[in-house]
Amino acid sequence: MPYIKRDEQGRVIAMSAVSGDGFTEQVAGDSPELADFLASQQAANSLDATDQDFVRVLEDVVELLIDKGVILFTELPDSAQEKIMRRQKLRSEMTGKLDLIGDD
């Protein structure tokens, strides 16, 4: 049976396979409370996944607008420029690491 941690209102906020550090209460694996908690976690994870996809879409839109001359990269706020450049650098580094065969 899993161990759970509750918030001040008595809602399940975490689950563990072992007891300790606030995980003192055991509940049945088929507990409705546990099922609700797991469903809320799945919904939150799904939202996070779509957020990541949406960020990629926005990056592509910004790149397209810059390529077409609709906006200038330098017109973006400094913080946005830094984030875009950081992500482009990381992406190019990842592409290089994933290119295991290389060009012959």
PDB file of N, CA and C in Angstrom:
ATOM      1  N   MET A   1       0.848  -1.183   0.000  1.00  0.00           N
ATOM      2  CA  MET A   1       0.000   0.000   0.000  1.00  0.00           C
ATOM      3  C   MET A   1       0.891   1.243   0.000  1.00  0.00           C
ATOM      4  N   PRO A   2       0.542   2.235  -0.806  1.00  0.00           N
ATOM      5  CA  PRO A   2       1.354   3.450  -0.878  1.00  0.00           C
ATOM      6  C   PRO A   2       1.159   4.350   0.340  1.00  0.00           C
ATOM      7  N   TYR A   3       2.152   5.170   0.572  1.00  0.00           N
ATOM      8  CA  TYR A   3       2.096   6.183   1.617  1.00  0.00           C
ATOM      9  C   TYR A   3       1.783   7.520   0.951  1.00  0.00           C
ATOM     10  N   ILE A   4       1.029   8.360   1.666  1.00  0.00           N
ATOM     11  CA  ILE A   4       0.670   9.665   1.108  1.00  0.00           C
ATOM     12  C   ILE A   4       1.054  10.786   2.054  1.00  0.00           C
ATOM     13  N   LYS A   5       1.147  11.976   1.477  1.00  0.00           N
ATOM     14  CA  LYS A   5       1.368  13.201   2.246  1.00  0.00           C
ATOM     15  C   LYS A   5       0.190  14.110   1.934  1.00  0.00           C
ATOM     16  N   ARG A   6      -0.313  14.791   2.958  1.00  0.00           N
ATOM     17  CA  ARG A   6      -1.468  15.679   2.786  1.00  0.00           C
ATOM     18  C   ARG A   6      -1.074  17.129   3.052  1.00  0.00           C
ATOM     19  N   ASP A   7      -1.854  18.059   2.463  1.00  0.00           N
ATOM     20  CA  ASP A   7      -1.663  19.477   2.761  1.00  0.00           C
ATOM     21  C   ASP A   7      -2.520  19.859   3.963  1.00  0.00           C
ATOM     22  N   GLU A   8      -2.543  21.149   4.282  1.00  0.00           N
ATOM     23  CA  GLU A   8      -3.285  21.630   5.453  1.00  0.00           C
ATOM     24  C   GLU A   8      -4.786  21.381   5.344  1.00  0.00           C
ATOM     25  N   GLN A   9      -5.294  21.310   4.115  1.00  0.00           N
ATOM     26  CA  GLN A   9      -6.720  21.072   3.909  1.00  0.00           C
ATOM     27  C   GLN A   9      -7.053  19.578   3.850  1.00  0.00           C
ATOM     28  N   GLY A  10      -6.056  18.727   4.004  1.00  0.00           N
ATOM     29  CA  GLY A  10      -6.296  17.291   3.997  1.00  0.00           C
ATOM     30  C   GLY A  10      -6.256  16.651   2.620  1.00  0.00           C
ATOM     31  N   ARG A  11      -5.871  17.421   1.602  1.00  0.00           N
ATOM     32  CA  ARG A  11      -5.785  16.870   0.243  1.00  0.00           C
ATOM     33  C   ARG A  11      -4.466  16.133   0.055  1.00  0.00           C
ATOM     34  N   VAL A  12      -4.505  15.068  -0.712  1.00  0.00           N
ATOM     35  CA  VAL A  12      -3.293  14.321  -1.027  1.00  0.00           C
ATOM     36  C   VAL A  12      -2.438  15.179  -1.960  1.00  0.00           C
ATOM     37  N   ILE A  13      -1.169  15.387  -1.567  1.00  0.00           N
ATOM     38  CA  ILE A  13      -0.274  16.210  -2.383  1.00  0.00           C
ATOM     39  C   ILE A  13       0.949  15.440  -2.885  1.00  0.00           C
ATOM     40  N   ALA A  14       1.174  14.243  -2.338  1.00  0.00           N
ATOM     41  CA  ALA A  14       2.316  13.443  -2.783  1.00  0.00           C
ATOM     42  C   ALA A  14       2.095  11.992  -2.394  1.00  0.00           C
ATOM     43  N   MET A  15       2.798  11.112  -3.100  1.00  0.00           N
ATOM     44  CA  MET A  15       2.675   9.679  -2.847  1.00  0.00           C
ATOM     45  C   MET A  15       4.071   9.071  -2.854  1.00  0.00           C
ATOM     46  N   SER A  16       4.270   8.033  -2.026  1.00  0.00           N
ATOM     47  CA  SER A  16       5.559   7.349  -1.972  1.00  0.00           C
ATOM     48  C   SER A  16       5.337   5.858  -1.746  1.00  0.00           C
ATOM     49  N   ALA A  17       6.269   5.063  -2.232  1.00  0.00           N
ATOM     50  CA  ALA A  17       6.193   3.619  -2.013  1.00  0.00           C
ATOM     51  C   ALA A  17       6.700   3.253  -0.622  1.00  0.00           C
ATOM     52  N   VAL A  18       7.455   4.171   0.006  1.00  0.00           N
ATOM     53  CA  VAL A  18       8.020   3.907   1.335  1.00  0.00           C
ATOM     54  C   VAL A  18       7.630   5.023   2.293  1.00  0.00           C
ATOM     55  N   SER A  19       7.628   4.709   3.590  1.00  0.00           N
ATOM     56  CA  SER A  19       7.291   5.720   4.591  1.00  0.00           C
ATOM     57  C   SER A  19       8.505   6.599   4.870  1.00  0.00           C
ATOM     58  N   GLY A  20       8.238   7.752   5.481  1.00  0.00           N
ATOM     59  CA  GLY A  20       9.313   8.661   5.871  1.00  0.00           C
ATOM     60  C   GLY A  20       9.090  10.057   5.351  1.00  0.00           C
ATOM     61  N   ASP A  21       9.696  11.043   6.031  1.00  0.00           N
ATOM     62  CA  ASP A  21       9.660  12.450   5.640  1.00  0.00           C
ATOM     63  C   ASP A  21       8.265  12.927   5.241  1.00  0.00           C
ATOM     64  N   GLY A  22       7.321  12.753   6.147  1.00  0.00           N
ATOM     65  CA  GLY A  22       5.958  13.216   5.910  1.00  0.00           C
ATOM     66  C   GLY A  22       5.044  12.180   5.297  1.00  0.00           C
ATOM     67  N   PHE A  23       5.598  11.077   4.862  1.00  0.00           N
ATOM     68  CA  PHE A  23       4.799   9.993   4.275  1.00  0.00           C
ATOM     69  C   PHE A  23       4.544   8.942   5.352  1.00  0.00           C
ATOM     70  N   THR A  24       3.542   9.216   6.180  1.00  0.00           N
ATOM     71  CA  THR A  24       3.256   8.316   7.292  1.00  0.00           C
ATOM     72  C   THR A  24       1.920   7.604   7.149  1.00  0.00           C
ATOM     73  N   GLU A  25       1.043   8.151   6.354  1.00  0.00           N
ATOM     74  CA  GLU A  25      -0.302   7.576   6.200  1.00  0.00           C
ATOM     75  C   GLU A  25      -0.353   6.641   4.996  1.00  0.00           C
ATOM     76  N   GLN A  26      -0.822   5.424   5.237  1.00  0.00           N
ATOM     77  CA  GLN A  26      -0.996   4.476   4.143  1.00  0.00           C
ATOM     78  C   GLN A  26      -2.437   4.501   3.659  1.00  0.00           C
ATOM     79  N   VAL A  27      -2.604   4.339   2.346  1.00  0.00           N
ATOM     80  CA  VAL A  27      -3.941   4.230   1.765  1.00  0.00           C
ATOM     81  C   VAL A  27      -3.951   3.046   0.813  1.00  0.00           C
ATOM     82  N   ALA A  28      -5.138   2.531   0.577  1.00  0.00           N
ATOM     83  CA  ALA A  28      -5.280   1.427  -0.368  1.00  0.00           C
ATOM     84  C   ALA A  28      -4.937   1.912  -1.775  1.00  0.00           C
ATOM     85  N   GLY A  29      -4.375   1.033  -2.570  1.00  0.00           N
ATOM     86  CA  GLY A  29      -4.007   1.377  -3.933  1.00  0.00           C
ATOM     87  C   GLY A  29      -5.185   1.803  -4.782  1.00  0.00           C
ATOM     88  N   ASP A  30      -6.384   1.346  -4.418  1.00  0.00           N
ATOM     89  CA  ASP A  30      -7.579   1.710  -5.183  1.00  0.00           C
ATOM     90  C   ASP A  30      -8.401   2.801  -4.493  1.00  0.00           C
ATOM     91  N   SER A  31      -7.782   3.525  -3.575  1.00  0.00           N
ATOM     92  CA  SER A  31      -8.456   4.603  -2.856  1.00  0.00           C
ATOM     93  C   SER A  31      -8.905   5.693  -3.825  1.00  0.00           C
ATOM     94  N   PRO A  32     -10.150   6.184  -3.691  1.00  0.00           N
ATOM     95  CA  PRO A  32     -10.616   7.281  -4.552  1.00  0.00           C
ATOM     96  C   PRO A  32      -9.746   8.533  -4.425  1.00  0.00           C
ATOM     97  N   GLU A  33      -9.263   8.811  -3.204  1.00  0.00           N
ATOM     98  CA  GLU A  33      -8.385   9.970  -3.008  1.00  0.00           C
ATOM     99  C   GLU A  33      -7.097   9.825  -3.810  1.00  0.00           C
ATOM    100  N   LEU A  34      -6.535   8.628  -3.778  1.00  0.00           N
ATOM    101  CA  LEU A  34      -5.300   8.373  -4.511  1.00  0.00           C
ATOM    102  C   LEU A  34      -5.550   8.454  -6.013  1.00  0.00           C
ATOM    103  N   ALA A  35      -6.669   7.922  -6.454  1.00  0.00           N
ATOM    104  CA  ALA A  35      -7.022   7.984  -7.877  1.00  0.00           C
ATOM    105  C   ALA A  35      -7.177   9.433  -8.331  1.00  0.00           C
ATOM    106  N   ASP A  36      -7.815  10.270  -7.507  1.00  0.00           N
ATOM    107  CA  ASP A  36      -7.971  11.693  -7.837  1.00  0.00           C
ATOM    108  C   ASP A  36      -6.612  12.388  -7.924  1.00  0.00           C
ATOM    109  N   PHE A  37      -5.729  12.085  -6.965  1.00  0.00           N
ATOM    110  CA  PHE A  37      -4.396  12.680  -6.964  1.00  0.00           C
ATOM    111  C   PHE A  37      -3.633  12.283  -8.222  1.00  0.00           C
ATOM    112  N   LEU A  38      -3.650  11.004  -8.556  1.00  0.00           N
ATOM    113  CA  LEU A  38      -2.930  10.529  -9.740  1.00  0.00           C
ATOM    114  C   LEU A  38      -3.501  11.137 -11.018  1.00  0.00           C
ATOM    115  N   ALA A  39      -4.818  11.294 -11.077  1.00  0.00           N
ATOM    116  CA  ALA A  39      -5.445  11.914 -12.251  1.00  0.00           C
ATOM    117  C   ALA A  39      -5.025  13.374 -12.379  1.00  0.00           C
ATOM    118  N   SER A  40      -4.942  14.081 -11.254  1.00  0.00           N
ATOM    119  CA  SER A  40      -4.528  15.491 -11.301  1.00  0.00           C
ATOM    120  C   SER A  40      -3.070  15.610 -11.731  1.00  0.00           C
ATOM    121  N   GLN A  41      -2.236  14.670 -11.314  1.00  0.00           N
ATOM    122  CA  GLN A  41      -0.832  14.671 -11.726  1.00  0.00           C
ATOM    123  C   GLN A  41      -0.703  14.415 -13.220  1.00  0.00           C
ATOM    124  N   GLN A  42      -1.519  13.504 -13.727  1.00  0.00           N
ATOM    125  CA  GLN A  42      -1.487  13.201 -15.158  1.00  0.00           C
ATOM    126  C   GLN A  42      -1.922  14.429 -15.964  1.00  0.00           C
ATOM    127  N   ALA A  43      -2.945  15.127 -15.482  1.00  0.00           N
ATOM    128  CA  ALA A  43      -3.409  16.332 -16.176  1.00  0.00           C
ATOM    129  C   ALA A  43      -2.320  17.404 -16.164  1.00  0.00           C
ATOM    130  N   ALA A  44      -1.644  17.568 -15.030  1.00  0.00           N
ATOM    131  CA  ALA A  44      -0.570  18.559 -14.936  1.00  0.00           C
ATOM    132  C   ALA A  44       0.580  18.195 -15.869  1.00  0.00           C
ATOM    133  N   ASN A  45       0.920  16.920 -15.944  1.00  0.00           N
ATOM    134  CA  ASN A  45       1.991  16.478 -16.842  1.00  0.00           C
ATOM    135  C   ASN A  45       1.608  16.711 -18.298  1.00  0.00           C
ATOM    136  N   SER A  46       0.349  16.489 -18.634  1.00  0.00           N
ATOM    137  CA  SER A  46      -0.110  16.726 -20.002  1.00  0.00           C
ATOM    138  C   SER A  46      -0.007  18.202 -20.355  1.00  0.00           C
ATOM    139  N   LEU A  47      -0.366  19.060 -19.416  1.00  0.00           N
ATOM    140  CA  LEU A  47      -0.273  20.501 -19.641  1.00  0.00           C
ATOM    141  C   LEU A  47       1.182  20.915 -19.832  1.00  0.00           C
ATOM    142  N   ASP A  48       2.079  20.372 -19.017  1.00  0.00           N
ATOM    143  CA  ASP A  48       3.505  20.670 -19.172  1.00  0.00           C
ATOM    144  C   ASP A  48       4.003  20.260 -20.550  1.00  0.00           C
ATOM    145  N   ALA A  49       3.580  19.095 -21.016  1.00  0.00           N
ATOM    146  CA  ALA A  49       4.013  18.606 -22.327  1.00  0.00           C
ATOM    147  C   ALA A  49       3.514  19.526 -23.441  1.00  0.00           C
ATOM    148  N   THR A  50       2.277  19.988 -23.342  1.00  0.00           N
ATOM    149  CA  THR A  50       1.770  20.889 -24.379  1.00  0.00           C
ATOM    150  C   THR A  50       2.450  22.250 -24.293  1.00  0.00           C
ATOM    151  N   ASP A  51       2.837  22.677 -23.085  1.00  0.00           N
ATOM    152  CA  ASP A  51       3.577  23.929 -22.938  1.00  0.00           C
ATOM    153  C   ASP A  51       4.899  23.853 -23.691  1.00  0.00           C
ATOM    154  N   GLN A  52       5.595  22.738 -23.568  1.00  0.00           N
ATOM    155  CA  GLN A  52       6.869  22.568 -24.272  1.00  0.00           C
ATOM    156  C   GLN A  52       6.658  22.608 -25.779  1.00  0.00           C
ATOM    157  N   ASP A  53       5.620  21.949 -26.246  1.00  0.00           N
ATOM    158  CA  ASP A  53       5.310  21.976 -27.678  1.00  0.00           C
ATOM    159  C   ASP A  53       4.984  23.394 -28.136  1.00  0.00           C
ATOM    160  N   PHE A  54       4.229  24.116 -27.313  1.00  0.00           N
ATOM    161  CA  PHE A  54       3.825  25.468 -27.673  1.00  0.00           C
ATOM    162  C   PHE A  54       5.026  26.411 -27.724  1.00  0.00           C
ATOM    163  N   VAL A  55       5.966  26.225 -26.817  1.00  0.00           N
ATOM    164  CA  VAL A  55       7.183  27.036 -26.833  1.00  0.00           C
ATOM    165  C   VAL A  55       7.908  26.843 -28.150  1.00  0.00           C
ATOM    166  N   ARG A  56       7.994  25.608 -28.606  1.00  0.00           N
ATOM    167  CA  ARG A  56       8.662  25.324 -29.881  1.00  0.00           C
ATOM    168  C   ARG A  56       7.923  26.006 -31.040  1.00  0.00           C
ATOM    169  N   VAL A  57       6.605  26.000 -31.011  1.00  0.00           N
ATOM    170  CA  VAL A  57       5.815  26.672 -32.048  1.00  0.00           C
ATOM    171  C   VAL A  57       6.117  28.171 -32.039  1.00  0.00           C
ATOM    172  N   LEU A  58       6.146  28.772 -30.862  1.00  0.00           N
ATOM    173  CA  LEU A  58       6.440  30.206 -30.768  1.00  0.00           C
ATOM    174  C   LEU A  58       7.841  30.530 -31.287  1.00  0.00           C
ATOM    175  N   GLU A  59       8.797  29.664 -30.976  1.00  0.00           N
ATOM    176  CA  GLU A  59      10.153  29.872 -31.504  1.00  0.00           C
ATOM    177  C   GLU A  59      10.134  29.872 -33.027  1.00  0.00           C
ATOM    178  N   ASP A  60       9.416  28.922 -33.601  1.00  0.00           N
ATOM    179  CA  ASP A  60       9.330  28.838 -35.062  1.00  0.00           C
ATOM    180  C   ASP A  60       8.646  30.068 -35.655  1.00  0.00           C
ATOM    181  N   VAL A  61       7.604  30.565 -34.997  1.00  0.00           N
ATOM    182  CA  VAL A  61       6.894  31.758 -35.480  1.00  0.00           C
ATOM    183  C   VAL A  61       7.813  32.978 -35.430  1.00  0.00           C
ATOM    184  N   VAL A  62       8.538  33.143 -34.329  1.00  0.00           N
ATOM    185  CA  VAL A  62       9.465  34.274 -34.218  1.00  0.00           C
ATOM    186  C   VAL A  62      10.529  34.182 -35.302  1.00  0.00           C
ATOM    187  N   GLU A  63      11.084  32.993 -35.510  1.00  0.00           N
ATOM    188  CA  GLU A  63      12.103  32.807 -36.550  1.00  0.00           C
ATOM    189  C   GLU A  63      11.539  33.138 -37.935  1.00  0.00           C
ATOM    190  N   LEU A  64      10.317  32.701 -38.211  1.00  0.00           N
ATOM    191  CA  LEU A  64       9.679  32.989 -39.495  1.00  0.00           C
ATOM    192  C   LEU A  64       9.476  34.493 -39.689  1.00  0.00           C
ATOM    193  N   LEU A  65       8.991  35.170 -38.653  1.00  0.00           N
ATOM    194  CA  LEU A  65       8.776  36.617 -38.739  1.00  0.00           C
ATOM    195  C   LEU A  65      10.086  37.363 -38.979  1.00  0.00           C
ATOM    196  N   ILE A  66      11.150  36.900 -38.351  1.00  0.00           N
ATOM    197  CA  ILE A  66      12.458  37.527 -38.561  1.00  0.00           C
ATOM    198  C   ILE A  66      12.948  37.253 -39.976  1.00  0.00           C
ATOM    199  N   ASP A  67      12.840  35.996 -40.424  1.00  0.00           N
ATOM    200  CA  ASP A  67      13.285  35.627 -41.775  1.00  0.00           C
ATOM    201  C   ASP A  67      12.547  36.410 -42.855  1.00  0.00           C
ATOM    202  N   LYS A  68      11.265  36.680 -42.642  1.00  0.00           N
ATOM    203  CA  LYS A  68      10.464  37.407 -43.632  1.00  0.00           C
ATOM    204  C   LYS A  68      10.614  38.926 -43.502  1.00  0.00           C
ATOM    205  N   GLY A  69      11.370  39.363 -42.507  1.00  0.00           N
ATOM    206  CA  GLY A  69      11.594  40.791 -42.330  1.00  0.00           C
ATOM    207  C   GLY A  69      10.439  41.525 -41.689  1.00  0.00           C
ATOM    208  N   VAL A  70       9.504  40.805 -41.103  1.00  0.00           N
ATOM    209  CA  VAL A  70       8.362  41.439 -40.442  1.00  0.00           C
ATOM    210  C   VAL A  70       8.821  42.125 -39.156  1.00  0.00           C
ATOM    211  N   ILE A  71       9.734  41.474 -38.447  1.00  0.00           N
ATOM    212  CA  ILE A  71      10.327  42.071 -37.247  1.00  0.00           C
ATOM    213  C   ILE A  71      11.838  41.885 -37.321  1.00  0.00           C
ATOM    214  N   LEU A  72      12.544  42.716 -36.586  1.00  0.00           N
ATOM    215  CA  LEU A  72      13.989  42.565 -36.451  1.00  0.00           C
ATOM    216  C   LEU A  72      14.275  41.895 -35.115  1.00  0.00           C
ATOM    217  N   PHE A  73      15.272  41.034 -35.102  1.00  0.00           N
ATOM    218  CA  PHE A  73      15.654  40.359 -33.864  1.00  0.00           C
ATOM    219  C   PHE A  73      15.954  41.378 -32.770  1.00  0.00           C
ATOM    220  N   THR A  74      16.586  42.473 -33.144  1.00  0.00           N
ATOM    221  CA  THR A  74      16.966  43.502 -32.174  1.00  0.00           C
ATOM    222  C   THR A  74      15.770  44.282 -31.625  1.00  0.00           C
ATOM    223  N   GLU A  75      14.603  44.131 -32.251  1.00  0.00           N
ATOM    224  CA  GLU A  75      13.392  44.781 -31.731  1.00  0.00           C
ATOM    225  C   GLU A  75      12.810  44.025 -30.539  1.00  0.00           C
ATOM    226  N   LEU A  76      13.209  42.785 -30.386  1.00  0.00           N
ATOM    227  CA  LEU A  76      12.720  41.999 -29.254  1.00  0.00           C
ATOM    228  C   LEU A  76      13.377  42.495 -27.970  1.00  0.00           C
ATOM    229  N   PRO A  77      12.708  42.359 -26.842  1.00  0.00           N
ATOM    230  CA  PRO A  77      13.335  42.743 -25.569  1.00  0.00           C
ATOM    231  C   PRO A  77      14.637  41.959 -25.358  1.00  0.00           C
ATOM    232  N   ASP A  78      15.565  42.573 -24.646  1.00  0.00           N
ATOM    233  CA  ASP A  78      16.862  41.930 -24.404  1.00  0.00           C
ATOM    234  C   ASP A  78      16.706  40.537 -23.797  1.00  0.00           C
ATOM    235  N   SER A  79      15.788  40.406 -22.840  1.00  0.00           N
ATOM    236  CA  SER A  79      15.607  39.099 -22.193  1.00  0.00           C
ATOM    237  C   SER A  79      15.119  38.054 -23.197  1.00  0.00           C
ATOM    238  N   ALA A  80      14.262  38.452 -24.124  1.00  0.00           N
ATOM    239  CA  ALA A  80      13.778  37.519 -25.148  1.00  0.00           C
ATOM    240  C   ALA A  80      14.912  37.138 -26.093  1.00  0.00           C
ATOM    241  N   GLN A  81      15.735  38.121 -26.472  1.00  0.00           N
ATOM    242  CA  GLN A  81      16.877  37.832 -27.344  1.00  0.00           C
ATOM    243  C   GLN A  81      17.816  36.824 -26.689  1.00  0.00           C
ATOM    244  N   GLU A  82      18.099  37.032 -25.406  1.00  0.00           N
ATOM    245  CA  GLU A  82      18.999  36.130 -24.680  1.00  0.00           C
ATOM    246  C   GLU A  82      18.435  34.715 -24.628  1.00  0.00           C
ATOM    247  N   LYS A  83      17.149  34.601 -24.344  1.00  0.00           N
ATOM    248  CA  LYS A  83      16.524  33.276 -24.258  1.00  0.00           C
ATOM    249  C   LYS A  83      16.527  32.575 -25.607  1.00  0.00           C
ATOM    250  N   ILE A  84      16.226  33.311 -26.652  1.00  0.00           N
ATOM    251  CA  ILE A  84      16.215  32.717 -27.993  1.00  0.00           C
ATOM    252  C   ILE A  84      17.618  32.254 -28.371  1.00  0.00           C
ATOM    253  N   MET A  85      18.613  33.094 -28.122  1.00  0.00           N
ATOM    254  CA  MET A  85      19.989  32.715 -28.469  1.00  0.00           C
ATOM    255  C   MET A  85      20.456  31.509 -27.650  1.00  0.00           C
ATOM    256  N   ARG A  86      20.082  31.465 -26.370  1.00  0.00           N
ATOM    257  CA  ARG A  86      20.463  30.336 -25.515  1.00  0.00           C
ATOM    258  C   ARG A  86      19.841  29.044 -26.030  1.00  0.00           C
ATOM    259  N   ARG A  87      18.566  29.101 -26.397  1.00  0.00           N
ATOM    260  CA  ARG A  87      17.891  27.895 -26.897  1.00  0.00           C
ATOM    261  C   ARG A  87      18.458  27.471 -28.251  1.00  0.00           C
ATOM    262  N   GLN A  88      18.761  28.435 -29.123  1.00  0.00           N
ATOM    263  CA  GLN A  88      19.350  28.089 -30.421  1.00  0.00           C
ATOM    264  C   GLN A  88      20.707  27.422 -30.233  1.00  0.00           C
ATOM    265  N   LYS A  89      21.495  27.937 -29.285  1.00  0.00           N
ATOM    266  CA  LYS A  89      22.811  27.350 -29.005  1.00  0.00           C
ATOM    267  C   LYS A  89      22.651  25.927 -28.478  1.00  0.00           C
ATOM    268  N   LEU A  90      21.755  25.740 -27.525  1.00  0.00           N
ATOM    269  CA  LEU A  90      21.524  24.403 -26.975  1.00  0.00           C
ATOM    270  C   LEU A  90      21.040  23.440 -28.048  1.00  0.00           C
ATOM    271  N   ARG A  91      20.141  23.923 -28.890  1.00  0.00           N
ATOM    272  CA  ARG A  91      19.609  23.064 -29.947  1.00  0.00           C
ATOM    273  C   ARG A  91      20.713  22.664 -30.928  1.00  0.00           C
ATOM    274  N   SER A  92      21.586  23.608 -31.296  1.00  0.00           N
ATOM    275  CA  SER A  92      22.665  23.278 -32.235  1.00  0.00           C
ATOM    276  C   SER A  92      23.669  22.328 -31.592  1.00  0.00           C
ATOM    277  N   GLU A  93      23.916  22.485 -30.287  1.00  0.00           N
ATOM    278  CA  GLU A  93      24.801  21.547 -29.588  1.00  0.00           C
ATOM    279  C   GLU A  93      24.194  20.154 -29.562  1.00  0.00           C
ATOM    280  N   MET A  94      22.885  20.080 -29.318  1.00  0.00           N
ATOM    281  CA  MET A  94      22.206  18.778 -29.297  1.00  0.00           C
ATOM    282  C   MET A  94      22.222  18.139 -30.676  1.00  0.00           C
ATOM    283  N   THR A  95      22.035  18.937 -31.704  1.00  0.00           N
ATOM    284  CA  THR A  95      22.049  18.417 -33.068  1.00  0.00           C
ATOM    285  C   THR A  95      23.422  17.838 -33.379  1.00  0.00           C
ATOM    286  N   GLY A  96      24.471  18.531 -32.951  1.00  0.00           N
ATOM    287  CA  GLY A  96      25.829  18.041 -33.161  1.00  0.00           C
ATOM    288  C   GLY A  96      26.082  16.734 -32.440  1.00  0.00           C
ATOM    289  N   LYS A  97      25.557  16.610 -31.228  1.00  0.00           N
ATOM    290  CA  LYS A  97      25.739  15.377 -30.457  1.00  0.00           C
ATOM    291  C   LYS A  97      24.932  14.236 -31.045  1.00  0.00           C
ATOM    292  N   LEU A  98      23.800  14.552 -31.658  1.00  0.00           N
ATOM    293  CA  LEU A  98      22.958  13.511 -32.234  1.00  0.00           C
ATOM    294  C   LEU A  98      23.431  13.081 -33.614  1.00  0.00           C
ATOM    295  N   ASP A  99      24.327  13.859 -34.220  1.00  0.00           N
ATOM    296  CA  ASP A  99      24.849  13.524 -35.544  1.00  0.00           C
ATOM    297  C   ASP A  99      26.002  12.537 -35.377  1.00  0.00           C
ATOM    298  N   LEU A 100      25.659  11.285 -35.118  1.00  0.00           N
ATOM    299  CA  LEU A 100      26.659  10.268 -34.822  1.00  0.00           C
ATOM    300  C   LEU A 100      27.410   9.807 -36.060  1.00  0.00           C
ATOM    301  N   ILE A 101      26.791   9.888 -37.229  1.00  0.00           N
ATOM    302  CA  ILE A 101      27.411   9.400 -38.454  1.00  0.00           C
ATOM    303  C   ILE A 101      28.278  10.480 -39.078  1.00  0.00           C
ATOM    304  N   GLY A 102      27.803  11.708 -39.082  1.00  0.00           N
ATOM    305  CA  GLY A 102      28.548  12.807 -39.670  1.00  0.00           C
ATOM    306  C   GLY A 102      28.463  12.804 -41.180  1.00  0.00           C
ATOM    307  N   ASP A 103      29.134  13.769 -41.799  1.00  0.00           N
ATOM    308  CA  ASP A 103      29.151  13.871 -43.259  1.00  0.00           C
ATOM    309  C   ASP A 103      30.400  13.205 -43.797  1.00  0.00           C
ATOM    310  N   ASP A 104      30.255  12.445 -44.868  1.00  0.00           N
ATOM    311  CA  ASP A 104      31.411  11.787 -45.501  1.00  0.00           C
ATOM    312  C   ASP A 104      31.776  12.481 -46.774  1.00  0.00           C
TER     313      ASP A 104
END
